[in-house]
C-alpha atoms as a PDB file:
ATOM      1  CA  MET A   1      39.413 -15.235 -39.634  1.00  0.00           C
ATOM      2  CA  LYS A   2      36.618 -12.607 -38.496  1.00  0.00           C
ATOM      3  CA  ILE A   3      33.290 -13.313 -38.866  1.00  0.00           C
ATOM      4  CA  TYR A   4      32.227  -9.701 -39.387  1.00  0.00           C
ATOM      5  CA  THR A   5      33.908  -7.862 -42.283  1.00  0.00           C
ATOM      6  CA  LYS A   6      31.812  -4.532 -42.271  1.00  0.00           C
ATOM      7  CA  THR A   7      31.484  -4.945 -45.777  1.00  0.00           C
ATOM      8  CA  GLY A   8      27.774  -5.629 -46.390  1.00  0.00           C
ATOM      9  CA  ASP A   9      26.782  -3.078 -43.859  1.00  0.00           C
ATOM     10  CA  LYS A  10      25.668  -0.835 -46.680  1.00  0.00           C
ATOM     11  CA  GLY A  11      23.326  -3.509 -47.893  1.00  0.00           C
ATOM     12  CA  THR A  12      25.584  -5.319 -50.566  1.00  0.00           C
ATOM     13  CA  THR A  13      27.460  -8.390 -50.478  1.00  0.00           C
ATOM     14  CA  ALA A  14      29.848 -10.222 -52.486  1.00  0.00           C
ATOM     15  CA  LEU A  15      29.536 -13.095 -54.969  1.00  0.00           C
ATOM     16  CA  PHE A  16      32.374 -15.697 -55.714  1.00  0.00           C
ATOM     17  CA  GLY A  17      34.309 -13.837 -58.139  1.00  0.00           C
ATOM     18  CA  GLY A  18      33.976 -10.610 -56.203  1.00  0.00           C
ATOM     19  CA  THR A  19      30.984  -8.930 -57.799  1.00  0.00           C
ATOM     20  CA  ARG A  20      28.845  -7.090 -55.535  1.00  0.00           C
ATOM     21  CA  VAL A  21      25.138  -7.244 -55.629  1.00  0.00           C
ATOM     22  CA  ALA A  22      22.299  -6.135 -53.420  1.00  0.00           C
ATOM     23  CA  LYS A  23      21.831  -8.553 -50.414  1.00  0.00           C
ATOM     24  CA  HIS A  24      17.983  -8.793 -51.994  1.00  0.00           C
ATOM     25  CA  HIS A  25      19.394  -9.850 -55.444  1.00  0.00           C
ATOM     26  CA  ILE A  26      17.522 -13.125 -56.593  1.00  0.00           C
ATOM     27  CA  ARG A  27      21.119 -14.974 -56.707  1.00  0.00           C
ATOM     28  CA  ILE A  28      21.516 -14.030 -52.906  1.00  0.00           C
ATOM     29  CA  GLU A  29      17.610 -15.196 -52.300  1.00  0.00           C
ATOM     30  CA  SER A  30      18.570 -18.475 -54.163  1.00  0.00           C
ATOM     31  CA  TYR A  31      21.519 -19.580 -52.281  1.00  0.00           C
ATOM     32  CA  GLY A  32      19.851 -18.300 -49.264  1.00  0.00           C
ATOM     33  CA  THR A  33      17.278 -20.570 -49.492  1.00  0.00           C
ATOM     34  CA  ILE A  34      19.551 -23.139 -50.124  1.00  0.00           C
ATOM     35  CA  ASP A  35      21.317 -22.431 -46.751  1.00  0.00           C
ATOM     36  CA  GLU A  36      17.694 -22.624 -44.915  1.00  0.00           C
ATOM     37  CA  LEU A  37      16.963 -25.948 -46.444  1.00  0.00           C
ATOM     38  CA  ASN A  38      20.530 -27.166 -45.488  1.00  0.00           C
ATOM     39  CA  SER A  39      19.558 -26.208 -41.917  1.00  0.00           C
ATOM     40  CA  HIS A  40      16.199 -27.834 -41.885  1.00  0.00           C
ATOM     41  CA  LEU A  41      17.984 -31.108 -43.381  1.00  0.00           C
ATOM     42  CA  GLY A  42      20.058 -30.859 -39.952  1.00  0.00           C
ATOM     43  CA  LEU A  43      17.010 -30.449 -38.107  1.00  0.00           C
ATOM     44  CA  ILE A  44      15.847 -33.654 -39.685  1.00  0.00           C
ATOM     45  CA  ARG A  45      19.164 -35.592 -39.253  1.00  0.00           C
ATOM     46  CA  ASP A  46      19.149 -34.703 -35.494  1.00  0.00           C
ATOM     47  CA  GLN A  47      15.910 -36.992 -35.159  1.00  0.00           C
ATOM     48  CA  ASP A  48      15.816 -40.364 -33.742  1.00  0.00           C
ATOM     49  CA  ILE A  49      15.783 -42.135 -37.353  1.00  0.00           C
ATOM     50  CA  ASN A  50      17.326 -44.684 -39.359  1.00  0.00           C
ATOM     51  CA  PRO A  51      21.206 -44.256 -39.464  1.00  0.00           C
ATOM     52  CA  GLU A  52      21.216 -45.035 -43.345  1.00  0.00           C
ATOM     53  CA  TYR A  53      19.100 -41.927 -43.476  1.00  0.00           C
ATOM     54  CA  LYS A  54      21.142 -39.873 -41.579  1.00  0.00           C
ATOM     55  CA  ASN A  55      24.141 -40.846 -43.696  1.00  0.00           C
ATOM     56  CA  LEU A  56      22.399 -39.810 -46.999  1.00  0.00           C
ATOM     57  CA  LEU A  57      21.288 -36.548 -45.397  1.00  0.00           C
ATOM     58  CA  ILE A  58      25.005 -35.614 -44.503  1.00  0.00           C
ATOM     59  CA  HIS A  59      25.823 -36.441 -48.314  1.00  0.00           C
ATOM     60  CA  ILE A  60      22.685 -34.200 -49.316  1.00  0.00           C
ATOM     61  CA  GLN A  61      23.861 -31.327 -47.319  1.00  0.00           C
ATOM     62  CA  ASP A  62      27.356 -31.561 -48.866  1.00  0.00           C
ATOM     63  CA  ARG A  63      25.477 -31.524 -52.176  1.00  0.00           C
ATOM     64  CA  LEU A  64      23.479 -28.569 -51.078  1.00  0.00           C
ATOM     65  CA  PHE A  65      26.893 -26.353 -50.166  1.00  0.00           C
ATOM     66  CA  THR A  66      27.985 -27.271 -53.911  1.00  0.00           C
ATOM     67  CA  VAL A  67      24.438 -25.971 -55.248  1.00  0.00           C
ATOM     68  CA  GLY A  68      24.903 -22.790 -52.833  1.00  0.00           C
ATOM     69  CA  ALA A  69      28.376 -22.538 -54.512  1.00  0.00           C
ATOM     70  CA  ILE A  70      27.160 -22.577 -58.014  1.00  0.00           C
ATOM     71  CA  LEU A  71      24.389 -20.213 -57.368  1.00  0.00           C
ATOM     72  CA  ALA A  72      26.940 -17.361 -55.534  1.00  0.00           C
ATOM     73  CA  THR A  73      29.187 -17.485 -58.369  1.00  0.00           C
ATOM     74  CA  ASP A  74      28.919 -14.921 -60.800  1.00  0.00           C
ATOM     75  CA  PRO A  75      28.831 -16.442 -64.265  1.00  0.00           C
ATOM     76  CA  GLU A  76      30.977 -13.771 -65.920  1.00  0.00           C
ATOM     77  CA  LYS A  77      33.699 -14.395 -63.535  1.00  0.00           C
ATOM     78  CA  ALA A  78      33.538 -17.899 -63.501  1.00  0.00           C
ATOM     79  CA  ILE A  79      35.358 -18.639 -66.656  1.00  0.00           C
ATOM     80  CA  LEU A  80      38.386 -17.057 -68.066  1.00  0.00           C
ATOM     81  CA  LYS A  81      38.833 -15.498 -71.644  1.00  0.00           C
ATOM     82  CA  ASN A  82      40.506 -18.519 -72.687  1.00  0.00           C
ATOM     83  CA  GLY A  83      37.354 -20.620 -71.525  1.00  0.00           C
ATOM     84  CA  LYS A  84      38.964 -22.238 -68.427  1.00  0.00           C
ATOM     85  CA  GLU A  85      37.308 -22.159 -65.334  1.00  0.00           C
ATOM     86  CA  ARG A  86      38.884 -19.420 -63.142  1.00  0.00           C
ATOM     87  CA  LEU A  87      37.032 -20.441 -59.857  1.00  0.00           C
ATOM     88  CA  ASN A  88      36.868 -24.097 -58.711  1.00  0.00           C
ATOM     89  CA  ILE A  89      33.446 -24.476 -58.295  1.00  0.00           C
ATOM     90  CA  PRO A  90      32.247 -28.295 -57.832  1.00  0.00           C
ATOM     91  CA  LYS A  91      29.276 -29.885 -59.946  1.00  0.00           C
ATOM     92  CA  ILE A  92      26.344 -31.712 -59.510  1.00  0.00           C
ATOM     93  CA  SER A  93      26.818 -35.068 -61.352  1.00  0.00           C
ATOM     94  CA  SER A  94      24.329 -37.261 -63.097  1.00  0.00           C
ATOM     95  CA  GLU A  95      25.385 -39.793 -60.370  1.00  0.00           C
ATOM     96  CA  ASN A  96      24.251 -37.314 -57.517  1.00  0.00           C
ATOM     97  CA  ILE A  97      20.911 -37.259 -59.265  1.00  0.00           C
ATOM     98  CA  GLU A  98      20.565 -40.857 -59.752  1.00  0.00           C
ATOM     99  CA  CYS A  99      21.286 -41.540 -56.327  1.00  0.00           C
ATOM    100  CA  LEU A 100      18.022 -39.611 -55.136  1.00  0.00           C
ATOM    101  CA  GLU A 101      16.320 -41.478 -57.725  1.00  0.00           C
ATOM    102  CA  ARG A 102      17.667 -44.856 -56.259  1.00  0.00           C
ATOM    103  CA  GLU A 103      16.684 -43.778 -52.718  1.00  0.00           C
ATOM    104  CA  ILE A 104      13.269 -42.709 -53.897  1.00  0.00           C
ATOM    105  CA  ASP A 105      12.740 -46.233 -55.663  1.00  0.00           C
ATOM    106  CA  ILE A 106      13.802 -48.051 -52.913  1.00  0.00           C
ATOM    107  CA  MET A 107      11.521 -46.182 -50.126  1.00  0.00           C
ATOM    108  CA  ASN A 108       8.443 -46.317 -52.639  1.00  0.00           C
ATOM    109  CA  GLU A 109       8.874 -50.445 -52.681  1.00  0.00           C
ATOM    110  CA  THR A 110       7.987 -50.745 -49.159  1.00  0.00           C
ATOM    111  CA  LEU A 111       5.284 -48.062 -49.011  1.00  0.00           C
ATOM    112  CA  PRO A 112       1.590 -48.569 -50.050  1.00  0.00           C
ATOM    113  CA  PRO A 113       0.524 -46.842 -53.358  1.00  0.00           C
ATOM    114  CA  MET A 114      -0.591 -43.156 -52.885  1.00  0.00           C
ATOM    115  CA  THR A 115      -4.416 -42.884 -53.924  1.00  0.00           C
ATOM    116  CA  HIS A 116      -4.821 -39.379 -52.553  1.00  0.00           C
ATOM    117  CA  PHE A 117      -2.560 -36.165 -51.520  1.00  0.00           C
ATOM    118  CA  VAL A 118      -1.531 -36.526 -47.960  1.00  0.00           C
ATOM    119  CA  LEU A 119      -1.764 -33.767 -45.121  1.00  0.00           C
ATOM    120  CA  PRO A 120       1.735 -33.026 -43.568  1.00  0.00           C
ATOM    121  CA  GLY A 121       2.099 -34.024 -39.901  1.00  0.00           C
ATOM    122  CA  GLY A 122       1.451 -36.832 -38.020  1.00  0.00           C
ATOM    123  CA  HIS A 123       4.841 -36.973 -36.182  1.00  0.00           C
ATOM    124  CA  GLN A 124       7.492 -34.253 -35.419  1.00  0.00           C
ATOM    125  CA  THR A 125       9.984 -35.853 -37.428  1.00  0.00           C
ATOM    126  CA  VAL A 126       7.712 -36.307 -40.642  1.00  0.00           C
ATOM    127  CA  SER A 127       6.582 -32.473 -40.169  1.00  0.00           C
ATOM    128  CA  PHE A 128      10.241 -31.391 -40.091  1.00  0.00           C
ATOM    129  CA  CYS A 129      10.698 -33.529 -43.672  1.00  0.00           C
ATOM    130  CA  HIS A 130       7.753 -31.686 -44.907  1.00  0.00           C
ATOM    131  CA  ILE A 131       9.023 -28.322 -44.270  1.00  0.00           C
ATOM    132  CA  ALA A 132      12.120 -29.161 -45.834  1.00  0.00           C
ATOM    133  CA  ARG A 133      10.367 -30.348 -48.787  1.00  0.00           C
ATOM    134  CA  CYS A 134       8.447 -27.253 -49.000  1.00  0.00           C
ATOM    135  CA  VAL A 135      11.739 -25.015 -48.497  1.00  0.00           C
ATOM    136  CA  CYS A 136      13.392 -27.008 -51.190  1.00  0.00           C
ATOM    137  CA  ARG A 137      10.250 -26.337 -53.439  1.00  0.00           C
ATOM    138  CA  ARG A 138      10.624 -22.670 -52.768  1.00  0.00           C
ATOM    139  CA  ALA A 139      14.675 -23.118 -53.582  1.00  0.00           C
ATOM    140  CA  GLU A 140      13.774 -24.575 -56.710  1.00  0.00           C
ATOM    141  CA  ARG A 141      11.549 -21.564 -57.625  1.00  0.00           C
ATOM    142  CA  LEU A 142      14.109 -18.914 -56.838  1.00  0.00           C
ATOM    143  CA  ALA A 143      16.584 -20.997 -58.874  1.00  0.00           C
ATOM    144  CA  THR A 144      14.416 -21.040 -62.002  1.00  0.00           C
ATOM    145  CA  THR A 145      14.019 -17.593 -61.664  1.00  0.00           C
ATOM    146  CA  LEU A 146      17.650 -16.896 -61.532  1.00  0.00           C
ATOM    147  CA  ASN A 147      17.986 -19.017 -64.456  1.00  0.00           C
ATOM    148  CA  ASP A 148      15.396 -17.047 -66.621  1.00  0.00           C
ATOM    149  CA  ILE A 149      17.859 -14.017 -65.948  1.00  0.00           C
ATOM    150  CA  GLU A 150      21.361 -15.706 -65.949  1.00  0.00           C
ATOM    151  CA  THR A 151      21.769 -19.460 -66.971  1.00  0.00           C
ATOM    152  CA  ILE A 152      22.658 -21.577 -64.113  1.00  0.00           C
ATOM    153  CA  ASP A 153      24.064 -25.143 -64.323  1.00  0.00           C
ATOM    154  CA  SER A 154      21.002 -27.371 -65.130  1.00  0.00           C
ATOM    155  CA  SER A 155      22.109 -30.253 -63.272  1.00  0.00           C
ATOM    156  CA  ALA A 156      21.708 -28.061 -60.066  1.00  0.00           C
ATOM    157  CA  LEU A 157      18.163 -27.434 -61.171  1.00  0.00           C
ATOM    158  CA  MET A 158      17.528 -31.196 -61.532  1.00  0.00           C
ATOM    159  CA  TYR A 159      19.106 -31.931 -58.335  1.00  0.00           C
ATOM    160  CA  LEU A 160      16.641 -29.512 -56.445  1.00  0.00           C
ATOM    161  CA  ASN A 161      13.458 -31.045 -58.311  1.00  0.00           C
ATOM    162  CA  ARG A 162      14.663 -34.447 -57.455  1.00  0.00           C
ATOM    163  CA  LEU A 163      15.691 -33.546 -53.793  1.00  0.00           C
ATOM    164  CA  SER A 164      11.842 -32.256 -53.216  1.00  0.00           C
ATOM    165  CA  ASP A 165      10.580 -35.433 -54.566  1.00  0.00           C
ATOM    166  CA  TYR A 166      12.883 -37.436 -52.198  1.00  0.00           C
ATOM    167  CA  LEU A 167      11.876 -35.250 -49.105  1.00  0.00           C
ATOM    168  CA  PHE A 168       8.331 -36.137 -49.936  1.00  0.00           C
ATOM    169  CA  VAL A 169       9.060 -39.970 -50.204  1.00  0.00           C
ATOM    170  CA  LEU A 170      11.237 -39.671 -46.917  1.00  0.00           C
ATOM    171  CA  ALA A 171       8.349 -37.999 -45.251  1.00  0.00           C
ATOM    172  CA  ARG A 172       6.092 -40.862 -46.144  1.00  0.00           C
ATOM    173  CA  LYS A 173       8.523 -43.469 -45.195  1.00  0.00           C
ATOM    174  CA  LEU A 174       9.187 -41.858 -41.890  1.00  0.00           C
ATOM    175  CA  THR A 175       5.622 -41.808 -41.219  1.00  0.00           C
ATOM    176  CA  TYR A 176       5.534 -45.720 -41.795  1.00  0.00           C
ATOM    177  CA  ASP A 177       9.002 -46.252 -40.036  1.00  0.00           C
ATOM    178  CA  LEU A 178       7.633 -43.973 -36.864  1.00  0.00           C
ATOM    179  CA  GLN A 179       4.124 -45.798 -37.089  1.00  0.00           C
ATOM    180  CA  ALA A 180       2.478 -42.509 -37.300  1.00  0.00           C
ATOM    181  CA  ASN A 181      -1.085 -41.830 -39.088  1.00  0.00           C
ATOM    182  CA  GLU A 182      -0.596 -40.654 -42.712  1.00  0.00           C
ATOM    183  CA  ILE A 183      -4.180 -38.640 -43.284  1.00  0.00           C
ATOM    184  CA  LYS A 184      -5.042 -38.577 -46.791  1.00  0.00           C
ATOM    185  CA  TRP A 185      -6.621 -35.426 -48.128  1.00  0.00           C
ATOM    186  CA  ILE A 186     -10.109 -36.222 -49.118  1.00  0.00           C
ATOM    187  CA  PRO A 187     -11.786 -32.758 -49.791  1.00  0.00           C
ATOM    188  CA  GLU A 188     -15.225 -31.868 -47.892  1.00  0.00           C
ATOM    189  CA  LYS A 189     -18.041 -31.608 -49.597  1.00  0.00           C
ATOM    190  CA  HIS A 190     -20.134 -28.603 -49.062  1.00  0.00           C
END
């Protein structure tokens, strides 16, 4: 399989199902941002962190490939006229979303209550996590914009929303695991 196809040389690319769209199409922006997020999660996974976090991040990366596949599929080509699925696109399940919620709850049990917003930083690994959280929020914004144009699977949207929450709590948990300083945002008075 060749990496280059030359089919995108004129600024278009193919969705699952064969439909060609501009490379700046909101659908391409959406799943491209999912890919960017997935790369940031790989960077977090490459850090010296608890192996349980690494294993969950691998699972999340797998789920992000699923979200990307959902976003990369032309909805008109996904279903045959008889109602059956033409393309074998995996789904995000309620169990996937519940897994993130469960992990958030487990981490939160060990953390002091939040009384203020926190400034990102304190340790390189924590900063990587905050960057991933921000990219996840951007992916969610793009996916919801796409959803306003062409309806997408609501489970994918819920997963992205919960994932950004998970990444925020993971950043806080890593702050405590790594004994970094969590700096509360207390607005300066002028």
